[in-house]
C-alpha atoms as a PDB file:
ATOM      1  CA  MET A   1      25.912 -32.559 -43.111  1.00  0.00           C
ATOM      2  CA  ILE A   2      28.283 -32.033 -40.091  1.00  0.00           C
ATOM      3  CA  GLN A   3      30.948 -30.386 -42.229  1.00  0.00           C
ATOM      4  CA  ALA A   4      28.324 -27.596 -43.252  1.00  0.00           C
ATOM      5  CA  LEU A   5      26.865 -27.221 -39.730  1.00  0.00           C
ATOM      6  CA  ALA A   6      30.608 -26.893 -38.485  1.00  0.00           C
ATOM      7  CA  PHE A   7      31.309 -24.335 -41.383  1.00  0.00           C
ATOM      8  CA  TYR A   8      28.348 -22.123 -40.583  1.00  0.00           C
ATOM      9  CA  LEU A   9      28.944 -22.326 -36.840  1.00  0.00           C
ATOM     10  CA  PHE A  10      32.680 -21.224 -37.240  1.00  0.00           C
ATOM     11  CA  ALA A  11      31.752 -18.504 -39.788  1.00  0.00           C
ATOM     12  CA  ILE A  12      28.831 -16.871 -37.899  1.00  0.00           C
ATOM     13  CA  VAL A  13      31.424 -16.761 -34.739  1.00  0.00           C
ATOM     14  CA  VAL A  14      33.909 -15.420 -37.081  1.00  0.00           C
ATOM     15  CA  ILE A  15      31.771 -12.600 -38.087  1.00  0.00           C
ATOM     16  CA  VAL A  16      30.282 -11.989 -34.673  1.00  0.00           C
ATOM     17  CA  SER A  17      33.590 -11.861 -33.040  1.00  0.00           C
ATOM     18  CA  GLY A  18      34.947  -9.445 -35.925  1.00  0.00           C
ATOM     19  CA  ALA A  19      32.147  -7.208 -35.468  1.00  0.00           C
ATOM     20  CA  MET A  20      32.627  -7.114 -31.571  1.00  0.00           C
ATOM     21  CA  THR A  21      36.210  -6.425 -32.055  1.00  0.00           C
ATOM     22  CA  ILE A  22      35.695  -3.287 -33.796  1.00  0.00           C
ATOM     23  CA  SER A  23      32.666  -2.394 -31.601  1.00  0.00           C
ATOM     24  CA  SER A  24      33.558  -3.075 -28.273  1.00  0.00           C
ATOM     25  CA  ARG A  25      34.142  -0.075 -26.217  1.00  0.00           C
ATOM     26  CA  ASN A  26      36.762  -1.438 -23.963  1.00  0.00           C
ATOM     27  CA  PRO A  27      39.926  -2.195 -25.480  1.00  0.00           C
ATOM     28  CA  VAL A  28      40.652  -5.569 -23.658  1.00  0.00           C
ATOM     29  CA  HIS A  29      37.453  -6.871 -24.569  1.00  0.00           C
ATOM     30  CA  SER A  30      38.278  -6.143 -28.216  1.00  0.00           C
ATOM     31  CA  VAL A  31      41.303  -8.041 -28.194  1.00  0.00           C
ATOM     32  CA  MET A  32      39.480 -11.019 -26.349  1.00  0.00           C
ATOM     33  CA  TRP A  33      36.940 -10.794 -29.128  1.00  0.00           C
ATOM     34  CA  LEU A  34      39.979 -10.860 -31.676  1.00  0.00           C
ATOM     35  CA  ILE A  35      41.304 -14.087 -29.855  1.00  0.00           C
ATOM     36  CA  LEU A  36      38.166 -15.852 -30.355  1.00  0.00           C
ATOM     37  CA  ALA A  37      38.016 -15.034 -34.055  1.00  0.00           C
ATOM     38  CA  PHE A  38      41.241 -16.288 -34.553  1.00  0.00           C
ATOM     39  CA  PHE A  39      40.387 -19.651 -32.971  1.00  0.00           C
ATOM     40  CA  ASN A  40      37.296 -19.849 -35.160  1.00  0.00           C
ATOM     41  CA  ALA A  41      39.163 -19.101 -38.131  1.00  0.00           C
ATOM     42  CA  ALA A  42      41.697 -21.721 -37.523  1.00  0.00           C
ATOM     43  CA  GLY A  43      38.460 -24.119 -37.165  1.00  0.00           C
ATOM     44  CA  LEU A  44      37.717 -22.791 -40.872  1.00  0.00           C
ATOM     45  CA  MET A  45      41.289 -24.123 -41.999  1.00  0.00           C
ATOM     46  CA  VAL A  46      40.822 -27.440 -40.541  1.00  0.00           C
ATOM     47  CA  ILE A  47      37.716 -27.946 -42.372  1.00  0.00           C
ATOM     48  CA  VAL A  48      39.250 -27.318 -45.741  1.00  0.00           C
ATOM     49  CA  GLY A  49      42.368 -29.147 -45.077  1.00  0.00           C
ATOM     50  CA  ALA A  50      44.715 -26.252 -44.170  1.00  0.00           C
ATOM     51  CA  GLU A  51      45.958 -27.777 -41.084  1.00  0.00           C
ATOM     52  CA  PHE A  52      49.279 -25.717 -41.504  1.00  0.00           C
ATOM     53  CA  ILE A  53      47.680 -22.494 -41.734  1.00  0.00           C
ATOM     54  CA  ALA A  54      45.064 -23.460 -38.726  1.00  0.00           C
ATOM     55  CA  MET A  55      48.380 -24.238 -36.601  1.00  0.00           C
ATOM     56  CA  LEU A  56      50.081 -20.661 -37.733  1.00  0.00           C
ATOM     57  CA  LEU A  57      46.777 -18.974 -36.402  1.00  0.00           C
ATOM     58  CA  VAL A  58      46.668 -20.616 -33.076  1.00  0.00           C
ATOM     59  CA  ILE A  59      50.252 -20.534 -32.534  1.00  0.00           C
ATOM     60  CA  VAL A  60      51.529 -17.439 -34.118  1.00  0.00           C
ATOM     61  CA  TYR A  61      48.363 -15.071 -33.933  1.00  0.00           C
ATOM     62  CA  VAL A  62      46.692 -16.181 -30.773  1.00  0.00           C
ATOM     63  CA  GLY A  63      49.761 -17.231 -28.835  1.00  0.00           C
ATOM     64  CA  ALA A  64      51.967 -14.485 -29.536  1.00  0.00           C
ATOM     65  CA  VAL A  65      50.362 -11.449 -31.532  1.00  0.00           C
ATOM     66  CA  ALA A  66      47.051 -11.303 -29.644  1.00  0.00           C
ATOM     67  CA  VAL A  67      48.618 -12.137 -26.257  1.00  0.00           C
ATOM     68  CA  LEU A  68      50.965  -9.392 -26.933  1.00  0.00           C
ATOM     69  CA  PHE A  69      48.176  -6.806 -27.767  1.00  0.00           C
ATOM     70  CA  LEU A  70      46.322  -7.937 -24.548  1.00  0.00           C
ATOM     71  CA  PHE A  71      49.420  -7.150 -22.425  1.00  0.00           C
ATOM     72  CA  VAL A  72      50.207  -3.943 -24.201  1.00  0.00           C
ATOM     73  CA  VAL A  73      46.531  -2.801 -23.972  1.00  0.00           C
ATOM     74  CA  MET A  74      46.413  -3.570 -20.119  1.00  0.00           C
ATOM     75  CA  MET A  75      49.846  -1.928 -19.310  1.00  0.00           C
ATOM     76  CA  LEU A  76      49.179   1.258 -21.332  1.00  0.00           C
ATOM     77  CA  ASP A  77      46.684   3.980 -19.965  1.00  0.00           C
ATOM     78  CA  ILE A  78      44.670   4.351 -22.722  1.00  0.00           C
ATOM     79  CA  GLU A  79      42.228   7.301 -22.892  1.00  0.00           C
ATOM     80  CA  VAL A  80      38.966   5.986 -24.156  1.00  0.00           C
ATOM     81  CA  ALA A  81      37.505   9.554 -24.451  1.00  0.00           C
ATOM     82  CA  SER A  82      40.241  10.754 -26.856  1.00  0.00           C
ATOM     83  CA  ILE A  83      39.933   7.622 -29.017  1.00  0.00           C
ATOM     84  CA  ARG A  84      36.170   8.122 -29.436  1.00  0.00           C
ATOM     85  CA  ALA A  85      36.770  11.582 -30.327  1.00  0.00           C
ATOM     86  CA  GLY A  86      39.296  10.301 -33.244  1.00  0.00           C
ATOM     87  CA  VAL A  87      36.826   7.702 -34.316  1.00  0.00           C
ATOM     88  CA  ALA A  88      34.102  10.237 -34.642  1.00  0.00           C
ATOM     89  CA  ARG A  89      36.521  12.799 -36.339  1.00  0.00           C
ATOM     90  CA  TYR A  90      37.576  10.320 -39.109  1.00  0.00           C
ATOM     91  CA  ALA A  91      34.256   8.095 -39.511  1.00  0.00           C
ATOM     92  CA  ALA A  92      33.480   9.734 -43.026  1.00  0.00           C
ATOM     93  CA  ILE A  93      36.698   8.864 -44.145  1.00  0.00           C
ATOM     94  CA  GLY A  94      36.648   5.269 -42.869  1.00  0.00           C
ATOM     95  CA  LEU A  95      33.285   4.979 -44.312  1.00  0.00           C
ATOM     96  CA  ALA A  96      34.793   6.066 -47.557  1.00  0.00           C
ATOM     97  CA  LEU A  97      37.475   3.678 -47.381  1.00  0.00           C
ATOM     98  CA  ALA A  98      35.177   0.788 -46.705  1.00  0.00           C
ATOM     99  CA  VAL A  99      32.919   1.347 -49.302  1.00  0.00           C
ATOM    100  CA  ALA A 100      35.856   1.467 -51.641  1.00  0.00           C
ATOM    101  CA  LEU A 101      37.413  -1.830 -50.480  1.00  0.00           C
ATOM    102  CA  ALA A 102      33.787  -3.379 -50.788  1.00  0.00           C
ATOM    103  CA  ALA A 103      33.426  -2.012 -54.560  1.00  0.00           C
ATOM    104  CA  GLU A 104      37.222  -3.580 -55.408  1.00  0.00           C
ATOM    105  CA  MET A 105      36.051  -7.056 -53.762  1.00  0.00           C
ATOM    106  CA  MET A 106      32.829  -6.971 -55.792  1.00  0.00           C
ATOM    107  CA  ILE A 107      34.780  -5.670 -58.989  1.00  0.00           C
ATOM    108  CA  ALA A 108      37.428  -8.943 -58.216  1.00  0.00           C
ATOM    109  CA  LEU A 109      34.645 -11.232 -57.941  1.00  0.00           C
ATOM    110  CA  GLY A 110      33.023 -10.106 -61.075  1.00  0.00           C
ATOM    111  CA  ALA A 111      36.194 -10.475 -62.947  1.00  0.00           C
ATOM    112  CA  TRP A 112      36.985 -13.705 -61.599  1.00  0.00           C
ATOM    113  CA  SER A 113      33.482 -15.096 -62.429  1.00  0.00           C
ATOM    114  CA  ALA A 114      33.386 -13.588 -65.823  1.00  0.00           C
ATOM    115  CA  GLY A 115      36.878 -14.801 -66.873  1.00  0.00           C
ATOM    116  CA  LYS A 116      35.770 -18.682 -65.969  1.00  0.00           C
ATOM    117  CA  ILE A 117      39.365 -19.389 -64.523  1.00  0.00           C
ATOM    118  CA  ASP A 118      40.003 -23.174 -63.955  1.00  0.00           C
ATOM    119  CA  LEU A 119      41.925 -22.964 -60.867  1.00  0.00           C
ATOM    120  CA  THR A 120      42.492 -26.615 -61.208  1.00  0.00           C
ATOM    121  CA  ARG A 121      44.562 -26.157 -64.291  1.00  0.00           C
ATOM    122  CA  ARG A 122      46.864 -23.883 -62.531  1.00  0.00           C
ATOM    123  CA  ILE A 123      47.594 -25.824 -59.399  1.00  0.00           C
ATOM    124  CA  ALA A 124      50.409 -28.348 -59.719  1.00  0.00           C
ATOM    125  CA  PRO A 125      49.349 -31.960 -58.791  1.00  0.00           C
ATOM    126  CA  VAL A 126      50.209 -33.234 -55.563  1.00  0.00           C
ATOM    127  CA  ASP A 127      50.125 -36.845 -54.464  1.00  0.00           C
ATOM    128  CA  ALA A 128      47.002 -37.690 -52.192  1.00  0.00           C
ATOM    129  CA  THR A 129      49.026 -39.654 -49.641  1.00  0.00           C
ATOM    130  CA  VAL A 130      51.496 -36.623 -48.884  1.00  0.00           C
ATOM    131  CA  PRO A 131      50.275 -34.698 -46.071  1.00  0.00           C
ATOM    132  CA  ASN A 132      49.335 -31.014 -46.447  1.00  0.00           C
ATOM    133  CA  ILE A 133      52.294 -29.749 -44.286  1.00  0.00           C
ATOM    134  CA  GLN A 134      54.826 -31.885 -46.048  1.00  0.00           C
ATOM    135  CA  ALA A 135      53.861 -30.612 -49.496  1.00  0.00           C
ATOM    136  CA  MET A 136      53.824 -27.164 -48.481  1.00  0.00           C
ATOM    137  CA  GLY A 137      57.147 -27.457 -46.551  1.00  0.00           C
ATOM    138  CA  ASN A 138      58.648 -29.049 -49.834  1.00  0.00           C
ATOM    139  CA  LEU A 139      57.556 -26.228 -52.054  1.00  0.00           C
ATOM    140  CA  LEU A 140      58.575 -23.773 -49.543  1.00  0.00           C
ATOM    141  CA  TYR A 141      61.954 -25.029 -49.164  1.00  0.00           C
ATOM    142  CA  THR A 142      62.699 -25.691 -53.098  1.00  0.00           C
ATOM    143  CA  ARG A 143      60.804 -23.510 -55.326  1.00  0.00           C
ATOM    144  CA  TYR A 144      60.434 -20.445 -53.043  1.00  0.00           C
ATOM    145  CA  LEU A 145      63.769 -20.900 -50.784  1.00  0.00           C
ATOM    146  CA  PHE A 146      65.140 -17.577 -51.941  1.00  0.00           C
ATOM    147  CA  VAL A 147      61.820 -15.917 -51.385  1.00  0.00           C
ATOM    148  CA  PHE A 148      61.451 -17.477 -47.831  1.00  0.00           C
ATOM    149  CA  GLU A 149      65.035 -16.302 -46.929  1.00  0.00           C
ATOM    150  CA  GLY A 150      64.323 -12.727 -48.273  1.00  0.00           C
ATOM    151  CA  ALA A 151      61.123 -12.670 -46.075  1.00  0.00           C
ATOM    152  CA  GLY A 152      63.382 -13.326 -42.899  1.00  0.00           C
ATOM    153  CA  LEU A 153      65.886 -10.983 -43.794  1.00  0.00           C
ATOM    154  CA  VAL A 154      63.195  -8.329 -44.097  1.00  0.00           C
ATOM    155  CA  LEU A 155      61.910  -9.269 -40.806  1.00  0.00           C
ATOM    156  CA  LEU A 156      65.484  -9.336 -39.088  1.00  0.00           C
ATOM    157  CA  VAL A 157      65.944  -5.871 -40.346  1.00  0.00           C
ATOM    158  CA  ALA A 158      62.590  -4.669 -39.017  1.00  0.00           C
ATOM    159  CA  MET A 159      63.418  -6.245 -35.774  1.00  0.00           C
ATOM    160  CA  ILE A 160      66.896  -4.456 -35.661  1.00  0.00           C
ATOM    161  CA  GLY A 161      65.267  -1.338 -36.846  1.00  0.00           C
ATOM    162  CA  ALA A 162      62.709  -1.287 -33.801  1.00  0.00           C
ATOM    163  CA  ILE A 163      65.312  -1.870 -31.366  1.00  0.00           C
ATOM    164  CA  VAL A 164      67.411   0.940 -32.424  1.00  0.00           C
ATOM    165  CA  LEU A 165      64.285   3.342 -32.626  1.00  0.00           C
ATOM    166  CA  THR A 166      63.422   2.399 -29.091  1.00  0.00           C
ATOM    167  CA  HIS A 167      66.722   1.982 -27.582  1.00  0.00           C
ATOM    168  CA  ARG A 168      67.897   5.469 -26.238  1.00  0.00           C
ATOM    169  CA  ASP A 169      70.341   6.380 -23.173  1.00  0.00           C
ATOM    170  CA  ARG A 170      68.366   8.066 -20.371  1.00  0.00           C
ATOM    171  CA  SER A 171      70.181  10.336 -17.783  1.00  0.00           C
ATOM    172  CA  GLY A 172      70.242   9.079 -14.188  1.00  0.00           C
ATOM    173  CA  ALA A 173      70.010   5.396 -15.293  1.00  0.00           C
ATOM    174  CA  ARG A 174      71.985   3.049 -13.010  1.00  0.00           C
ATOM    175  CA  TYR A 175      73.604   0.366 -15.177  1.00  0.00           C
ATOM    176  CA  GLN A 176      74.679  -3.143 -13.925  1.00  0.00           C
ATOM    177  CA  ASN A 177      78.514  -3.662 -12.956  1.00  0.00           C
ATOM    178  CA  ILE A 178      78.981  -7.146 -13.172  1.00  0.00           C
ATOM    179  CA  ALA A 179      82.785  -6.962 -12.484  1.00  0.00           C
ATOM    180  CA  ARG A 180      82.169  -5.053  -9.304  1.00  0.00           C
ATOM    181  CA  GLN A 181      79.383  -7.272  -8.260  1.00  0.00           C
ATOM    182  CA  ASN A 182      81.559 -10.318  -8.476  1.00  0.00           C
ATOM    183  CA  ALA A 183      84.415  -8.489  -6.716  1.00  0.00           C
ATOM    184  CA  ARG A 184      82.322  -7.807  -3.547  1.00  0.00           C
ATOM    185  CA  ARG A 185      83.190  -9.786  -0.524  1.00  0.00           C
ATOM    186  CA  PRO A 186      80.831 -11.110   1.936  1.00  0.00           C
ATOM    187  CA  GLN A 187      82.091  -8.963   4.921  1.00  0.00           C
ATOM    188  CA  ASP A 188      81.610  -5.899   2.682  1.00  0.00           C
ATOM    189  CA  ALA A 189      78.094  -6.598   2.248  1.00  0.00           C
ATOM    190  CA  THR A 190      76.785  -7.781   5.861  1.00  0.00           C
ATOM    191  CA  ARG A 191      77.629  -6.923   9.358  1.00  0.00           C
ATOM    192  CA  ASN A 192      77.512  -8.524  12.537  1.00  0.00           C
ATOM    193  CA  VAL A 193      75.931  -6.666  15.393  1.00  0.00           C
ATOM    194  CA  LYS A 194      74.814  -8.041  18.998  1.00  0.00           C
ATOM    195  CA  PRO A 195      72.287  -5.489  20.304  1.00  0.00           C
ATOM    196  CA  GLU A 196      71.218  -5.180  23.727  1.00  0.00           C
ATOM    197  CA  ILE A 197      67.827  -6.027  25.007  1.00  0.00           C
ATOM    198  CA  GLY A 198      65.339  -3.584  24.139  1.00  0.00           C
ATOM    199  CA  GLN A 199      67.741  -1.726  21.756  1.00  0.00           C
ATOM    200  CA  GLY A 200      66.822  -1.688  17.801  1.00  0.00           C
ATOM    201  CA  VAL A 201      69.127  -2.350  15.131  1.00  0.00           C
ATOM    202  CA  GLN A 202      70.647   0.659  13.771  1.00  0.00           C
ATOM    203  CA  LEU A 203      70.726   1.095  10.125  1.00  0.00           C
END
């Protein structure tokens, strides 16, 4: 009974916060609603026994992605009027895509129910005494090791590409000269003066 109430509570909050994320006029409010959706989605994962996915949602998405979005939105000068104009311009295309995605989901659910697929026969048996994270780690670092390493290489290439694309030489930029800073003497940086009474310091 408690699990059912917790499930419906988390599910309702996820749906409401997701709707508020895409309907809020303030971008900062949208990011805050997104963080709330991630937290409640993590609660749903805990209920179904997927503690590792819940931990990823909190640490990766809330702790890194959502906070990064929040800082980027707060630092950028976003013109809300232009965003609203763009949404109004492409509203028909977005509605068509939403209808197409909903139709695909309904077709997939219908095919899955018609096929009567027994998922228990396709899942490898796992000892009940083995924790969820340990079982996932054993499978990830044994059977899917090369796939995991390939995903890491793809992320590394994406990170290097983003750095290369965003890094550019700017004219008039002053770079740090560490050797010159280390060779500077204290007497070259300071000057001892003894001004008279009522006379200011000359810079």
